[in-house]
Amino acid sequence: MKRRAFITLLGGAAAVWPLAVRAQTKQMRRIGVVMAYAEDDLEAQAWIRALLQGLKDHGWVDGSTARFDYRWASGNLEPMGSYAAELMALNPDLIVAAATPALEAVWRETRSVPIVFVNVADPIGQGSVASMAQPGGNVTGFTSFEFSMGGKWVEVLKEISPSLVRIVIIYNPTTAPYFPLFFRWIEAAAASFAVKLIVTPIHDAAEIERVIATAAHESNSSLIVVPSAFMTTHRELIIGAAARDRLPAIYGYSYYAASGGLVSYGFDVRDLFRRAASYVDRILKGAKPADLPVQAPTTYQLVINLRTAKALGIEVPATLLARADEVIE
């Protein structure tokens, strides 16, 4: 090899080598993720992909610059505490907590490790943040609901079924401790339409079909499914029972309507996970959770499944279809 070519090659290697060494020796950051949902839930997996893609866009690549440790609770509060403790034992740099019970479990374990929550209903009432603008402490993230949407659920059901006189509300007390905040708005809207409310707590999957079948025996009835990790985990059972018993129902997430539910009004969960990646990135780069304001959903969607409406013998008013963000035909 000629001397000039050798020197050029040596100089190029010297320039590249330090970069390679720095890439190899850069500390990998460890991120724990507590999901209150089932691991085999395709929708929940899509949320994780949205989070990972958002982090990848910021340079945090699984297995390269970051390591992710997951715990999936399948809508069951009982193992959540042990999952949070397991993750803390791994000395994470940050924990992502998805859903209200996940945040509660993780926050009990640490007041120092940063926590970014996603899809949490009432972090102030839960006590994990001081305020939306200045959360304080080690917790910040993205809330899930504006509770006034509970009144919107009643309005939509009444518009779909003008003869509606009775609404059965099902919720899980463990994974939806925030239900009273929804109920205040539901109750006000129901009173304005002279609609009777039947509130029914659901504690396990076995109760779902029985409660829905009982509700369907009364004519001019509809169903409100209060969103929570438990209801998301059992959504196929709920949707199937409502279809079998021909009970009109409204849900808080669009993926219910996509799976055969009649109508949904709520926000895009995937968007929250995408946005959460920016907070994870900022905290890993030195920002403090106390300085990052809690954020709320920016858009809400009305989704109507016309196939289900036809199966139930319901003619959805044209005015409601015109306002829908998505119509499934």
C-alpha atoms as a PDB file:
ATOM      1  CA  MET A   1       0.000   0.000   0.000  1.00  0.00           C
ATOM      2  CA  LYS A   2       1.284   3.451  -0.873  1.00  0.00           C
ATOM      3  CA  ARG A   3       2.289   5.677   2.053  1.00  0.00           C
ATOM      4  CA  ARG A   4      -0.312   8.396   1.249  1.00  0.00           C
ATOM      5  CA  ALA A   5      -3.148   5.874   0.983  1.00  0.00           C
ATOM      6  CA  PHE A   6      -2.072   4.238   4.252  1.00  0.00           C
ATOM      7  CA  ILE A   7      -2.030   7.573   6.106  1.00  0.00           C
ATOM      8  CA  THR A   8      -5.476   8.428   4.691  1.00  0.00           C
ATOM      9  CA  LEU A   9      -6.854   5.089   5.801  1.00  0.00           C
ATOM     10  CA  LEU A  10      -5.286   5.440   9.256  1.00  0.00           C
ATOM     11  CA  GLY A  11      -6.665   8.940   9.661  1.00  0.00           C
ATOM     12  CA  GLY A  12     -10.187   7.785   8.692  1.00  0.00           C
ATOM     13  CA  ALA A  13     -10.041   4.928  11.179  1.00  0.00           C
ATOM     14  CA  ALA A  14      -8.882   7.283  13.929  1.00  0.00           C
ATOM     15  CA  ALA A  15     -11.845   9.551  13.261  1.00  0.00           C
ATOM     16  CA  VAL A  16     -14.365   6.703  13.302  1.00  0.00           C
ATOM     17  CA  TRP A  17     -12.913   4.696  16.188  1.00  0.00           C
ATOM     18  CA  PRO A  18     -13.655   7.169  19.015  1.00  0.00           C
ATOM     19  CA  LEU A  19     -17.269   7.449  17.837  1.00  0.00           C
ATOM     20  CA  ALA A  20     -17.657   3.686  17.852  1.00  0.00           C
ATOM     21  CA  VAL A  21     -16.128   3.437  21.305  1.00  0.00           C
ATOM     22  CA  ARG A  22     -18.421   6.167  22.623  1.00  0.00           C
ATOM     23  CA  ALA A  23     -21.462   4.375  21.153  1.00  0.00           C
ATOM     24  CA  GLN A  24     -20.414   1.114  22.787  1.00  0.00           C
ATOM     25  CA  THR A  25     -19.656   2.651  26.178  1.00  0.00           C
ATOM     26  CA  LYS A  26     -22.695   4.968  26.394  1.00  0.00           C
ATOM     27  CA  GLN A  27     -24.765   3.996  29.397  1.00  0.00           C
ATOM     28  CA  MET A  28     -27.957   2.176  28.491  1.00  0.00           C
ATOM     29  CA  ARG A  29     -30.989   3.640  30.283  1.00  0.00           C
ATOM     30  CA  ARG A  30     -33.476   1.303  31.931  1.00  0.00           C
ATOM     31  CA  ILE A  31     -37.194   2.000  31.622  1.00  0.00           C
ATOM     32  CA  GLY A  32     -39.867   0.072  33.495  1.00  0.00           C
ATOM     33  CA  VAL A  33     -43.363  -0.125  32.035  1.00  0.00           C
ATOM     34  CA  VAL A  34     -46.414  -1.148  34.090  1.00  0.00           C
ATOM     35  CA  MET A  35     -49.434  -1.867  31.904  1.00  0.00           C
ATOM     36  CA  ALA A  36     -52.770  -2.422  33.624  1.00  0.00           C
ATOM     37  CA  TYR A  37     -53.921  -4.295  30.518  1.00  0.00           C
ATOM     38  CA  ALA A  38     -53.514  -7.805  29.097  1.00  0.00           C
ATOM     39  CA  GLU A  39     -50.285  -8.600  27.273  1.00  0.00           C
ATOM     40  CA  ASP A  40     -52.136 -10.317  24.416  1.00  0.00           C
ATOM     41  CA  ASP A  41     -54.439  -7.314  23.878  1.00  0.00           C
ATOM     42  CA  LEU A  42     -53.677  -6.120  20.348  1.00  0.00           C
ATOM     43  CA  GLU A  43     -54.798  -2.588  21.130  1.00  0.00           C
ATOM     44  CA  ALA A  44     -52.503  -2.360  24.166  1.00  0.00           C
ATOM     45  CA  GLN A  45     -49.646  -3.706  22.062  1.00  0.00           C
ATOM     46  CA  ALA A  46     -50.331  -0.921  19.560  1.00  0.00           C
ATOM     47  CA  TRP A  47     -50.014   1.614  22.396  1.00  0.00           C
ATOM     48  CA  ILE A  48     -46.611   0.199  23.309  1.00  0.00           C
ATOM     49  CA  ARG A  49     -45.510   0.392  19.677  1.00  0.00           C
ATOM     50  CA  ALA A  50     -46.585   4.038  19.590  1.00  0.00           C
ATOM     51  CA  LEU A  51     -44.511   4.719  22.721  1.00  0.00           C
ATOM     52  CA  LEU A  52     -41.465   2.865  21.365  1.00  0.00           C
ATOM     53  CA  GLN A  53     -41.676   4.605  18.009  1.00  0.00           C
ATOM     54  CA  GLY A  54     -41.895   7.970  19.714  1.00  0.00           C
ATOM     55  CA  LEU A  55     -38.840   7.141  21.821  1.00  0.00           C
ATOM     56  CA  LYS A  56     -36.973   5.855  18.775  1.00  0.00           C
ATOM     57  CA  ASP A  57     -37.596   9.197  17.096  1.00  0.00           C
ATOM     58  CA  HIS A  58     -35.782  10.768  20.069  1.00  0.00           C
ATOM     59  CA  GLY A  59     -32.876   8.307  19.835  1.00  0.00           C
ATOM     60  CA  TRP A  60     -33.966   5.789  22.488  1.00  0.00           C
ATOM     61  CA  VAL A  61     -33.817   2.393  20.811  1.00  0.00           C
ATOM     62  CA  ASP A  62     -34.798  -0.795  22.619  1.00  0.00           C
ATOM     63  CA  GLY A  63     -31.722  -2.978  23.128  1.00  0.00           C
ATOM     64  CA  SER A  64     -29.317  -0.236  22.047  1.00  0.00           C
ATOM     65  CA  THR A  65     -29.719   2.954  24.067  1.00  0.00           C
ATOM     66  CA  ALA A  66     -32.544   1.787  26.302  1.00  0.00           C
ATOM     67  CA  ARG A  67     -33.783  -1.385  27.915  1.00  0.00           C
ATOM     68  CA  PHE A  68     -37.477  -1.889  28.637  1.00  0.00           C
ATOM     69  CA  ASP A  69     -38.886  -4.105  31.374  1.00  0.00           C
ATOM     70  CA  TYR A  70     -42.638  -4.787  31.143  1.00  0.00           C
ATOM     71  CA  ARG A  71     -45.268  -5.949  33.574  1.00  0.00           C
ATOM     72  CA  TRP A  72     -48.827  -6.646  32.388  1.00  0.00           C
ATOM     73  CA  ALA A  73     -51.658  -6.843  34.930  1.00  0.00           C
ATOM     74  CA  SER A  74     -54.614  -7.826  32.686  1.00  0.00           C
ATOM     75  CA  GLY A  75     -56.991  -5.395  34.373  1.00  0.00           C
ATOM     76  CA  ASN A  76     -56.392  -7.059  37.740  1.00  0.00           C
ATOM     77  CA  LEU A  77     -55.357  -4.817  40.608  1.00  0.00           C
ATOM     78  CA  GLU A  78     -54.091  -7.621  42.843  1.00  0.00           C
ATOM     79  CA  PRO A  79     -50.659  -8.228  41.220  1.00  0.00           C
ATOM     80  CA  MET A  80     -50.026  -4.557  40.451  1.00  0.00           C
ATOM     81  CA  GLY A  81     -48.189  -3.834  43.695  1.00  0.00           C
ATOM     82  CA  SER A  82     -45.803  -6.767  43.308  1.00  0.00           C
ATOM     83  CA  TYR A  83     -45.145  -5.820  39.684  1.00  0.00           C
ATOM     84  CA  ALA A  84     -44.239  -2.291  40.719  1.00  0.00           C
ATOM     85  CA  ALA A  85     -41.916  -3.640  43.422  1.00  0.00           C
ATOM     86  CA  GLU A  86     -40.258  -5.999  40.923  1.00  0.00           C
ATOM     87  CA  LEU A  87     -39.524  -3.131  38.567  1.00  0.00           C
ATOM     88  CA  MET A  88     -38.132  -0.964  41.342  1.00  0.00           C
ATOM     89  CA  ALA A  89     -35.745  -3.789  42.272  1.00  0.00           C
ATOM     90  CA  LEU A  90     -34.248  -3.472  38.768  1.00  0.00           C
ATOM     91  CA  ASN A  91     -33.117   0.124  39.523  1.00  0.00           C
ATOM     92  CA  PRO A  92     -34.888   1.802  36.597  1.00  0.00           C
ATOM     93  CA  ASP A  93     -34.073   5.314  35.445  1.00  0.00           C
ATOM     94  CA  LEU A  94     -37.781   5.947  34.854  1.00  0.00           C
ATOM     95  CA  ILE A  95     -41.115   4.126  34.995  1.00  0.00           C
ATOM     96  CA  VAL A  96     -44.047   4.497  32.607  1.00  0.00           C
ATOM     97  CA  ALA A  97     -47.357   3.726  34.344  1.00  0.00           C
ATOM     98  CA  ALA A  98     -50.331   3.090  32.070  1.00  0.00           C
ATOM     99  CA  ALA A  99     -53.788   3.512  33.669  1.00  0.00           C
ATOM    100  CA  THR A 100     -54.905   4.698  37.090  1.00  0.00           C
ATOM    101  CA  PRO A 101     -54.200   1.517  39.130  1.00  0.00           C
ATOM    102  CA  ALA A 102     -50.726   1.216  37.586  1.00  0.00           C
ATOM    103  CA  LEU A 103     -49.811   4.731  38.673  1.00  0.00           C
ATOM    104  CA  GLU A 104     -51.176   4.112  42.156  1.00  0.00           C
ATOM    105  CA  ALA A 105     -49.057   0.962  42.543  1.00  0.00           C
ATOM    106  CA  VAL A 106     -45.850   2.525  41.252  1.00  0.00           C
ATOM    107  CA  TRP A 107     -46.259   5.722  43.265  1.00  0.00           C
ATOM    108  CA  ARG A 108     -46.564   3.683  46.457  1.00  0.00           C
ATOM    109  CA  GLU A 109     -43.120   2.222  45.706  1.00  0.00           C
ATOM    110  CA  THR A 110     -41.129   5.381  45.011  1.00  0.00           C
ATOM    111  CA  ARG A 111     -41.047   9.119  45.596  1.00  0.00           C
ATOM    112  CA  SER A 112     -37.709   9.532  43.810  1.00  0.00           C
ATOM    113  CA  VAL A 113     -37.651   7.561  40.542  1.00  0.00           C
ATOM    114  CA  PRO A 114     -39.346   9.614  37.797  1.00  0.00           C
ATOM    115  CA  ILE A 115     -42.782   8.357  36.748  1.00  0.00           C
ATOM    116  CA  VAL A 116     -44.522   9.266  33.493  1.00  0.00           C
ATOM    117  CA  PHE A 117     -48.161   8.176  33.558  1.00  0.00           C
ATOM    118  CA  VAL A 118     -50.412   7.627  30.563  1.00  0.00           C
ATOM    119  CA  ASN A 119     -54.199   7.306  30.439  1.00  0.00           C
ATOM    120  CA  VAL A 120     -54.752   8.176  34.104  1.00  0.00           C
ATOM    121  CA  ALA A 121     -58.118   9.685  34.978  1.00  0.00           C
ATOM    122  CA  ASP A 122     -57.647  11.792  38.102  1.00  0.00           C
ATOM    123  CA  PRO A 123     -54.008  12.239  39.186  1.00  0.00           C
ATOM    124  CA  ILE A 124     -54.836  15.205  41.436  1.00  0.00           C
ATOM    125  CA  GLY A 125     -57.582  13.337  43.271  1.00  0.00           C
ATOM    126  CA  GLN A 126     -55.277  10.342  43.454  1.00  0.00           C
ATOM    127  CA  GLY A 127     -52.745  12.572  45.205  1.00  0.00           C
ATOM    128  CA  SER A 128     -49.848  11.825  42.875  1.00  0.00           C
ATOM    129  CA  VAL A 129     -49.604  15.395  41.512  1.00  0.00           C
ATOM    130  CA  ALA A 130     -50.221  18.748  43.194  1.00  0.00           C
ATOM    131  CA  SER A 131     -51.712  20.446  40.139  1.00  0.00           C
ATOM    132  CA  MET A 132     -51.851  20.133  36.377  1.00  0.00           C
ATOM    133  CA  ALA A 133     -49.544  23.086  35.777  1.00  0.00           C
ATOM    134  CA  GLN A 134     -47.043  22.263  38.519  1.00  0.00           C
ATOM    135  CA  PRO A 135     -47.238  18.565  39.350  1.00  0.00           C
ATOM    136  CA  GLY A 136     -44.382  18.655  41.875  1.00  0.00           C
ATOM    137  CA  GLY A 137     -42.608  15.550  43.100  1.00  0.00           C
ATOM    138  CA  ASN A 138     -41.527  12.733  40.805  1.00  0.00           C
ATOM    139  CA  VAL A 139     -44.724  12.283  38.781  1.00  0.00           C
ATOM    140  CA  THR A 140     -46.100  13.821  35.592  1.00  0.00           C
ATOM    141  CA  GLY A 141     -47.828  12.588  32.473  1.00  0.00           C
ATOM    142  CA  PHE A 142     -50.979  12.513  30.387  1.00  0.00           C
ATOM    143  CA  THR A 143     -54.508  12.375  31.730  1.00  0.00           C
ATOM    144  CA  SER A 144     -57.268  10.476  30.037  1.00  0.00           C
ATOM    145  CA  PHE A 145     -60.627  12.194  30.497  1.00  0.00           C
ATOM    146  CA  GLU A 146     -62.555  15.376  30.716  1.00  0.00           C
ATOM    147  CA  PHE A 147     -65.298  14.098  33.036  1.00  0.00           C
ATOM    148  CA  SER A 148     -67.983  16.229  31.420  1.00  0.00           C
ATOM    149  CA  MET A 149     -67.912  13.723  28.560  1.00  0.00           C
ATOM    150  CA  GLY A 150     -70.173  11.595  30.786  1.00  0.00           C
ATOM    151  CA  GLY A 151     -72.989  14.005  29.960  1.00  0.00           C
ATOM    152  CA  LYS A 152     -72.168  13.623  26.277  1.00  0.00           C
ATOM    153  CA  TRP A 153     -72.668   9.849  26.534  1.00  0.00           C
ATOM    154  CA  VAL A 154     -76.224  10.416  27.764  1.00  0.00           C
ATOM    155  CA  GLU A 155     -76.939  12.929  25.006  1.00  0.00           C
ATOM    156  CA  VAL A 156     -75.719  10.562  22.278  1.00  0.00           C
ATOM    157  CA  LEU A 157     -77.750   7.631  23.620  1.00  0.00           C
ATOM    158  CA  LYS A 158     -80.877   9.796  23.765  1.00  0.00           C
ATOM    159  CA  GLU A 159     -80.309  10.979  20.204  1.00  0.00           C
ATOM    160  CA  ILE A 160     -79.873   7.410  18.986  1.00  0.00           C
ATOM    161  CA  SER A 161     -82.921   6.180  20.932  1.00  0.00           C
ATOM    162  CA  PRO A 162     -85.435   9.046  21.422  1.00  0.00           C
ATOM    163  CA  SER A 163     -87.710   6.757  23.459  1.00  0.00           C
ATOM    164  CA  LEU A 164     -84.927   6.054  25.949  1.00  0.00           C
ATOM    165  CA  VAL A 165     -86.146   6.070  29.570  1.00  0.00           C
ATOM    166  CA  ARG A 166     -83.524   3.993  31.411  1.00  0.00           C
ATOM    167  CA  ILE A 167     -79.728   3.803  31.358  1.00  0.00           C
ATOM    168  CA  VAL A 168     -77.751   1.104  33.129  1.00  0.00           C
ATOM    169  CA  ILE A 169     -74.228   2.175  34.070  1.00  0.00           C
ATOM    170  CA  ILE A 170     -71.577  -0.453  34.699  1.00  0.00           C
ATOM    171  CA  TYR A 171     -68.182   0.272  36.219  1.00  0.00           C
ATOM    172  CA  ASN A 172     -65.453  -1.512  38.150  1.00  0.00           C
ATOM    173  CA  PRO A 173     -64.918   0.158  41.558  1.00  0.00           C
ATOM    174  CA  THR A 174     -61.303  -1.002  41.774  1.00  0.00           C
ATOM    175  CA  THR A 175     -60.013   0.231  38.416  1.00  0.00           C
ATOM    176  CA  ALA A 176     -62.411   3.207  38.159  1.00  0.00           C
ATOM    177  CA  PRO A 177     -62.276   4.936  41.568  1.00  0.00           C
ATOM    178  CA  TYR A 178     -62.929   8.165  39.649  1.00  0.00           C
ATOM    179  CA  PHE A 179     -66.456   7.049  38.667  1.00  0.00           C
ATOM    180  CA  PRO A 180     -68.200   9.639  40.923  1.00  0.00           C
ATOM    181  CA  LEU A 181     -66.597  12.400  38.842  1.00  0.00           C
ATOM    182  CA  PHE A 182     -68.226  10.966  35.708  1.00  0.00           C
ATOM    183  CA  PHE A 183     -71.506  10.293  37.477  1.00  0.00           C
ATOM    184  CA  ARG A 184     -72.031  13.934  38.411  1.00  0.00           C
ATOM    185  CA  TRP A 185     -72.201  14.829  34.712  1.00  0.00           C
ATOM    186  CA  ILE A 186     -74.140  11.699  33.729  1.00  0.00           C
ATOM    187  CA  GLU A 187     -76.740  12.417  36.415  1.00  0.00           C
ATOM    188  CA  ALA A 188     -77.205  16.034  35.350  1.00  0.00           C
ATOM    189  CA  ALA A 189     -77.714  15.085  31.703  1.00  0.00           C
ATOM    190  CA  ALA A 190     -80.070  12.227  32.567  1.00  0.00           C
ATOM    191  CA  ALA A 191     -82.214  14.541  34.701  1.00  0.00           C
ATOM    192  CA  SER A 192     -82.595  16.962  31.795  1.00  0.00           C
ATOM    193  CA  PHE A 193     -83.996  14.110  29.654  1.00  0.00           C
ATOM    194  CA  ALA A 194     -86.032  12.493  32.460  1.00  0.00           C
ATOM    195  CA  VAL A 195     -83.985   9.318  32.096  1.00  0.00           C
ATOM    196  CA  LYS A 196     -83.677   6.918  35.032  1.00  0.00           C
ATOM    197  CA  LEU A 197     -80.185   5.732  35.979  1.00  0.00           C
ATOM    198  CA  ILE A 198     -79.321   2.283  37.337  1.00  0.00           C
ATOM    199  CA  VAL A 199     -75.739   2.173  38.653  1.00  0.00           C
ATOM    200  CA  THR A 200     -74.267  -1.326  38.822  1.00  0.00           C
ATOM    201  CA  PRO A 201     -70.745  -2.075  40.052  1.00  0.00           C
ATOM    202  CA  ILE A 202     -69.058  -4.974  38.250  1.00  0.00           C
ATOM    203  CA  HIS A 203     -66.417  -6.840  40.248  1.00  0.00           C
ATOM    204  CA  ASP A 204     -65.546  -9.748  37.944  1.00  0.00           C
ATOM    205  CA  ALA A 205     -66.148 -11.050  34.447  1.00  0.00           C
ATOM    206  CA  ALA A 206     -68.860 -13.455  35.581  1.00  0.00           C
ATOM    207  CA  GLU A 207     -71.139 -10.531  36.459  1.00  0.00           C
ATOM    208  CA  ILE A 208     -70.960  -8.884  33.053  1.00  0.00           C
ATOM    209  CA  GLU A 209     -73.331 -11.102  31.077  1.00  0.00           C
ATOM    210  CA  ARG A 210     -75.825 -11.373  33.946  1.00  0.00           C
ATOM    211  CA  VAL A 211     -76.041  -7.608  34.419  1.00  0.00           C
ATOM    212  CA  ILE A 212     -76.376  -6.882  30.702  1.00  0.00           C
ATOM    213  CA  ALA A 213     -79.033  -9.578  30.255  1.00  0.00           C
ATOM    214  CA  THR A 214     -81.022  -8.126  33.161  1.00  0.00           C
ATOM    215  CA  ALA A 215     -80.730  -4.613  31.728  1.00  0.00           C
ATOM    216  CA  ALA A 216     -81.965  -5.781  28.324  1.00  0.00           C
ATOM    217  CA  HIS A 217     -85.202  -7.167  29.796  1.00  0.00           C
ATOM    218  CA  GLU A 218     -86.422  -3.629  30.382  1.00  0.00           C
ATOM    219  CA  SER A 219     -87.629  -1.889  27.230  1.00  0.00           C
ATOM    220  CA  ASN A 220     -86.211   1.448  26.102  1.00  0.00           C
ATOM    221  CA  SER A 221     -82.962   0.840  27.951  1.00  0.00           C
ATOM    222  CA  SER A 222     -79.350   1.553  27.050  1.00  0.00           C
ATOM    223  CA  LEU A 223     -75.944   0.933  28.582  1.00  0.00           C
ATOM    224  CA  ILE A 224     -73.009   3.155  29.562  1.00  0.00           C
ATOM    225  CA  VAL A 225     -69.710   1.328  30.057  1.00  0.00           C
ATOM    226  CA  VAL A 226     -67.465   3.486  32.242  1.00  0.00           C
ATOM    227  CA  PRO A 227     -63.932   3.119  30.871  1.00  0.00           C
ATOM    228  CA  SER A 228     -61.185   1.534  32.948  1.00  0.00           C
ATOM    229  CA  ALA A 229     -58.500  -1.116  32.595  1.00  0.00           C
ATOM    230  CA  PHE A 230     -60.940  -3.807  33.753  1.00  0.00           C
ATOM    231  CA  MET A 231     -63.532  -2.907  31.116  1.00  0.00           C
ATOM    232  CA  THR A 232     -60.875  -2.688  28.406  1.00  0.00           C
ATOM    233  CA  THR A 233     -59.607  -6.157  29.307  1.00  0.00           C
ATOM    234  CA  HIS A 234     -63.151  -7.598  29.095  1.00  0.00           C
ATOM    235  CA  ARG A 235     -64.428  -5.492  26.218  1.00  0.00           C
ATOM    236  CA  GLU A 236     -65.068  -8.416  23.843  1.00  0.00           C
ATOM    237  CA  LEU A 237     -67.296 -10.049  26.460  1.00  0.00           C
ATOM    238  CA  ILE A 238     -69.168  -6.778  27.049  1.00  0.00           C
ATOM    239  CA  ILE A 239     -69.645  -6.035  23.353  1.00  0.00           C
ATOM    240  CA  GLY A 240     -70.759  -9.606  22.660  1.00  0.00           C
ATOM    241  CA  ALA A 241     -73.284  -9.613  25.507  1.00  0.00           C
ATOM    242  CA  ALA A 242     -74.738  -6.254  24.428  1.00  0.00           C
ATOM    243  CA  ALA A 243     -75.090  -7.514  20.843  1.00  0.00           C
ATOM    244  CA  ARG A 244     -76.685 -10.808  21.909  1.00  0.00           C
ATOM    245  CA  ASP A 245     -79.198  -9.077  24.171  1.00  0.00           C
ATOM    246  CA  ARG A 246     -79.771  -6.244  21.678  1.00  0.00           C
ATOM    247  CA  LEU A 247     -78.869  -3.537  24.181  1.00  0.00           C
ATOM    248  CA  PRO A 248     -77.639  -0.197  22.744  1.00  0.00           C
ATOM    249  CA  ALA A 249     -74.400   0.813  24.468  1.00  0.00           C
ATOM    250  CA  ILE A 250     -71.898   3.644  24.438  1.00  0.00           C
ATOM    251  CA  TYR A 251     -68.213   3.332  25.293  1.00  0.00           C
ATOM    252  CA  GLY A 252     -65.350   5.673  26.123  1.00  0.00           C
ATOM    253  CA  TYR A 253     -62.839   4.461  23.531  1.00  0.00           C
ATOM    254  CA  SER A 254     -62.999   4.135  19.753  1.00  0.00           C
ATOM    255  CA  TYR A 255     -61.580   0.615  19.776  1.00  0.00           C
ATOM    256  CA  TYR A 256     -64.852  -0.580  21.329  1.00  0.00           C
ATOM    257  CA  ALA A 257     -66.756   0.645  18.283  1.00  0.00           C
ATOM    258  CA  ALA A 258     -64.094  -0.832  15.996  1.00  0.00           C
ATOM    259  CA  SER A 259     -64.655  -4.187  17.734  1.00  0.00           C
ATOM    260  CA  GLY A 260     -68.419  -4.118  17.219  1.00  0.00           C
ATOM    261  CA  GLY A 261     -69.697  -1.715  19.879  1.00  0.00           C
ATOM    262  CA  LEU A 262     -72.549   0.539  18.772  1.00  0.00           C
ATOM    263  CA  VAL A 263     -71.011   3.941  19.511  1.00  0.00           C
ATOM    264  CA  SER A 264     -68.063   5.457  21.325  1.00  0.00           C
ATOM    265  CA  TYR A 265     -67.106   8.933  22.413  1.00  0.00           C
ATOM    266  CA  GLY A 266     -63.631   9.501  23.776  1.00  0.00           C
ATOM    267  CA  PHE A 267     -60.026  10.260  22.923  1.00  0.00           C
ATOM    268  CA  ASP A 268     -57.248   8.527  20.975  1.00  0.00           C
ATOM    269  CA  VAL A 269     -55.184   6.467  23.445  1.00  0.00           C
ATOM    270  CA  ARG A 270     -52.381   5.848  20.953  1.00  0.00           C
ATOM    271  CA  ASP A 271     -51.882   9.581  20.657  1.00  0.00           C
ATOM    272  CA  LEU A 272     -51.295   9.820  24.422  1.00  0.00           C
ATOM    273  CA  PHE A 273     -48.611   7.134  24.275  1.00  0.00           C
ATOM    274  CA  ARG A 274     -46.930   8.887  21.342  1.00  0.00           C
ATOM    275  CA  ARG A 275     -46.930  12.151  23.283  1.00  0.00           C
ATOM    276  CA  ALA A 276     -45.667  10.450  26.438  1.00  0.00           C
ATOM    277  CA  ALA A 277     -42.444   9.558  24.607  1.00  0.00           C
ATOM    278  CA  SER A 278     -41.466  13.238  24.583  1.00  0.00           C
ATOM    279  CA  TYR A 279     -41.677  13.440  28.386  1.00  0.00           C
ATOM    280  CA  VAL A 280     -39.669  10.241  28.823  1.00  0.00           C
ATOM    281  CA  ASP A 281     -37.010  11.694  26.527  1.00  0.00           C
ATOM    282  CA  ARG A 282     -36.859  15.029  28.340  1.00  0.00           C
ATOM    283  CA  ILE A 283     -36.590  13.413  31.766  1.00  0.00           C
ATOM    284  CA  LEU A 284     -33.853  11.007  30.650  1.00  0.00           C
ATOM    285  CA  LYS A 285     -31.976  14.059  29.370  1.00  0.00           C
ATOM    286  CA  GLY A 286     -32.214  15.848  32.716  1.00  0.00           C
ATOM    287  CA  ALA A 287     -35.641  17.477  33.003  1.00  0.00           C
ATOM    288  CA  LYS A 288     -37.525  17.037  36.276  1.00  0.00           C
ATOM    289  CA  PRO A 289     -41.095  15.683  36.335  1.00  0.00           C
ATOM    290  CA  ALA A 290     -42.048  18.479  38.733  1.00  0.00           C
ATOM    291  CA  ASP A 291     -41.366  21.014  35.962  1.00  0.00           C
ATOM    292  CA  LEU A 292     -43.362  19.259  33.217  1.00  0.00           C
ATOM    293  CA  PRO A 293     -47.086  20.136  33.318  1.00  0.00           C
ATOM    294  CA  VAL A 294     -49.621  17.353  33.193  1.00  0.00           C
ATOM    295  CA  GLN A 295     -51.275  17.263  29.767  1.00  0.00           C
ATOM    296  CA  ALA A 296     -54.791  16.277  28.728  1.00  0.00           C
ATOM    297  CA  PRO A 297     -56.157  14.772  25.491  1.00  0.00           C
ATOM    298  CA  THR A 298     -56.347  17.318  22.707  1.00  0.00           C
ATOM    299  CA  THR A 299     -59.079  15.744  20.583  1.00  0.00           C
ATOM    300  CA  TYR A 300     -62.189  13.652  21.180  1.00  0.00           C
ATOM    301  CA  GLN A 301     -63.809  11.362  18.639  1.00  0.00           C
ATOM    302  CA  LEU A 302     -67.366  10.209  18.044  1.00  0.00           C
ATOM    303  CA  VAL A 303     -67.359   6.821  16.296  1.00  0.00           C
ATOM    304  CA  ILE A 304     -70.530   5.036  15.160  1.00  0.00           C
ATOM    305  CA  ASN A 305     -70.698   1.428  14.004  1.00  0.00           C
ATOM    306  CA  LEU A 306     -73.526   1.304  11.462  1.00  0.00           C
ATOM    307  CA  ARG A 307     -73.216  -2.462  11.051  1.00  0.00           C
ATOM    308  CA  THR A 308     -74.036  -2.889  14.728  1.00  0.00           C
ATOM    309  CA  ALA A 309     -76.838  -0.309  14.507  1.00  0.00           C
ATOM    310  CA  LYS A 310     -78.466  -2.261  11.681  1.00  0.00           C
ATOM    311  CA  ALA A 311     -78.110  -5.527  13.614  1.00  0.00           C
ATOM    312  CA  LEU A 312     -79.869  -3.885  16.570  1.00  0.00           C
ATOM    313  CA  GLY A 313     -82.580  -2.448  14.339  1.00  0.00           C
ATOM    314  CA  ILE A 314     -81.514   1.119  15.107  1.00  0.00           C
ATOM    315  CA  GLU A 315     -81.695   3.906  12.559  1.00  0.00           C
ATOM    316  CA  VAL A 316     -79.014   6.402  13.524  1.00  0.00           C
ATOM    317  CA  PRO A 317     -80.196   9.979  12.871  1.00  0.00           C
ATOM    318  CA  ALA A 318     -78.527  11.719   9.944  1.00  0.00           C
ATOM    319  CA  THR A 319     -77.680  14.663  12.194  1.00  0.00           C
ATOM    320  CA  LEU A 320     -75.635  12.390  14.466  1.00  0.00           C
ATOM    321  CA  LEU A 321     -73.916  10.682  11.526  1.00  0.00           C
ATOM    322  CA  ALA A 322     -72.944  14.090  10.189  1.00  0.00           C
ATOM    323  CA  ARG A 323     -71.211  14.926  13.462  1.00  0.00           C
ATOM    324  CA  ALA A 324     -69.371  11.608  13.693  1.00  0.00           C
ATOM    325  CA  ASP A 325     -65.605  11.600  13.251  1.00  0.00           C
ATOM    326  CA  GLU A 326     -65.782   8.051  11.923  1.00  0.00           C
ATOM    327  CA  VAL A 327     -68.634   5.858  10.676  1.00  0.00           C
ATOM    328  CA  ILE A 328     -67.983   2.125  10.406  1.00  0.00           C
ATOM    329  CA  GLU A 329     -70.055   0.553   7.622  1.00  0.00           C
END
